[in-house]
Each structure stands twice: as C-alpha cells, then as structure tokens.
Amino acid sequence: MVRDSKGTHPGNPLWGDGWGWSWFDADKPLRTTSTDYRSDCQGCHVPATATDWIYVNGYPVLRH
C-alpha cells in the first residue's frame, strides 16, 4: 500500500480509499498480481479499517 491522500489516480482500480493497493507474489516480486483493490485487497483489510486499513497490532513500530 502507498498513501494517496490527494486521490491522484481516479478511476484506477488499484487506487482508492486513500491508498494505492498491490499484492506481489514471492516468485514474481516485480509485477503486481492485483487487478482491483476492492476484490483483491479489501477482503483482508476490512478488519483493519479502524487503523486506516493497516494492521498495526502485529507491528508496534507502525503505531507511532
């Protein structure tokens, strides 16, 4: 995820809700396999909406 507080990519299915979203497979680290963040990413990140879609509980340094 990359922060996009200005909404600079309207209409792009990998950008939305203030972020650029992407999934990279371990065997293909240079190309995203995501096609739409709503279907590919939000399913896992919905529980973390209270912390701006980011799981910070497992990474204490991110809470600061």
Protein backbone atom coordinates (compact mmCIF):
# COMPACT_ATOMS: atom_id res chain seq x y z
CA MET A 1 0.00 0.00 0.00
CA VAL A 2 1.11 3.52 -0.79
CA ARG A 3 -0.55 6.56 0.79
CA ASP A 4 -2.54 8.68 -1.69
CA SER A 5 -4.25 11.36 0.38
CA LYS A 6 -4.83 13.55 -2.70
CA GLY A 7 -6.66 10.93 -4.77
CA THR A 8 -4.28 11.32 -7.68
CA HIS A 9 -5.42 8.22 -9.60
CA PRO A 10 -9.20 8.47 -10.04
CA GLY A 11 -10.68 5.54 -11.90
CA ASN A 12 -7.64 3.30 -11.37
CA PRO A 13 -8.84 0.03 -9.79
CA LEU A 14 -5.67 -0.29 -7.68
CA TRP A 15 -6.07 3.15 -6.06
CA GLY A 16 -8.78 4.13 -3.62
CA ASP A 17 -9.78 4.86 -0.05
CA GLY A 18 -6.64 7.00 0.29
CA TRP A 19 -4.21 4.27 -0.79
CA GLY A 20 -2.55 2.57 -3.72
CA TRP A 21 -3.00 -1.17 -3.21
CA SER A 22 -0.96 -4.03 -4.56
CA TRP A 23 -0.10 -7.68 -3.99
CA PHE A 24 3.18 -9.19 -5.13
CA ASP A 25 3.74 -12.93 -5.31
CA ALA A 26 7.05 -14.10 -3.84
CA ASP A 27 8.12 -15.68 -7.12
CA LYS A 28 7.22 -12.53 -9.14
CA PRO A 29 8.28 -9.57 -6.97
CA LEU A 30 8.44 -7.04 -9.81
CA ARG A 31 4.83 -7.26 -11.02
CA THR A 32 1.63 -6.97 -9.05
CA THR A 33 -0.95 -9.69 -9.36
CA SER A 34 -3.72 -7.39 -8.08
CA THR A 35 -6.34 -6.24 -10.54
CA ASP A 36 -8.83 -4.41 -8.31
CA TYR A 37 -8.23 -3.48 -4.68
CA ARG A 38 -11.90 -3.85 -3.82
CA SER A 39 -11.94 -7.54 -4.70
CA ASP A 40 -8.26 -8.44 -4.20
CA CYS A 41 -7.33 -6.49 -1.06
CA GLN A 42 -10.27 -5.23 0.96
CA GLY A 43 -11.39 -8.70 1.97
CA CYS A 44 -8.40 -8.94 4.28
CA HIS A 45 -8.10 -5.26 5.21
CA VAL A 46 -11.71 -4.57 6.22
CA PRO A 47 -11.00 -5.66 9.83
CA ALA A 48 -8.26 -3.02 9.96
CA THR A 49 -10.36 -0.04 8.84
CA ALA A 50 -10.21 1.47 12.32
CA THR A 51 -6.45 1.79 11.86
CA ASP A 52 -6.67 3.21 8.32
CA TRP A 53 -6.71 -0.23 6.65
CA ILE A 54 -3.28 -1.10 8.13
CA TYR A 55 -2.62 -3.94 10.55
CA VAL A 56 -0.56 -2.19 13.22
CA ASN A 57 -1.10 -4.57 16.14
CA GLY A 58 1.46 -7.08 14.85
CA TYR A 59 3.95 -4.29 14.09
CA PRO A 60 4.17 -1.96 17.12
CA VAL A 61 6.52 0.42 15.35
CA LEU A 62 3.70 1.28 12.91
CA ARG A 63 1.52 2.60 15.72
CA HIS A 64 3.70 5.70 16.10
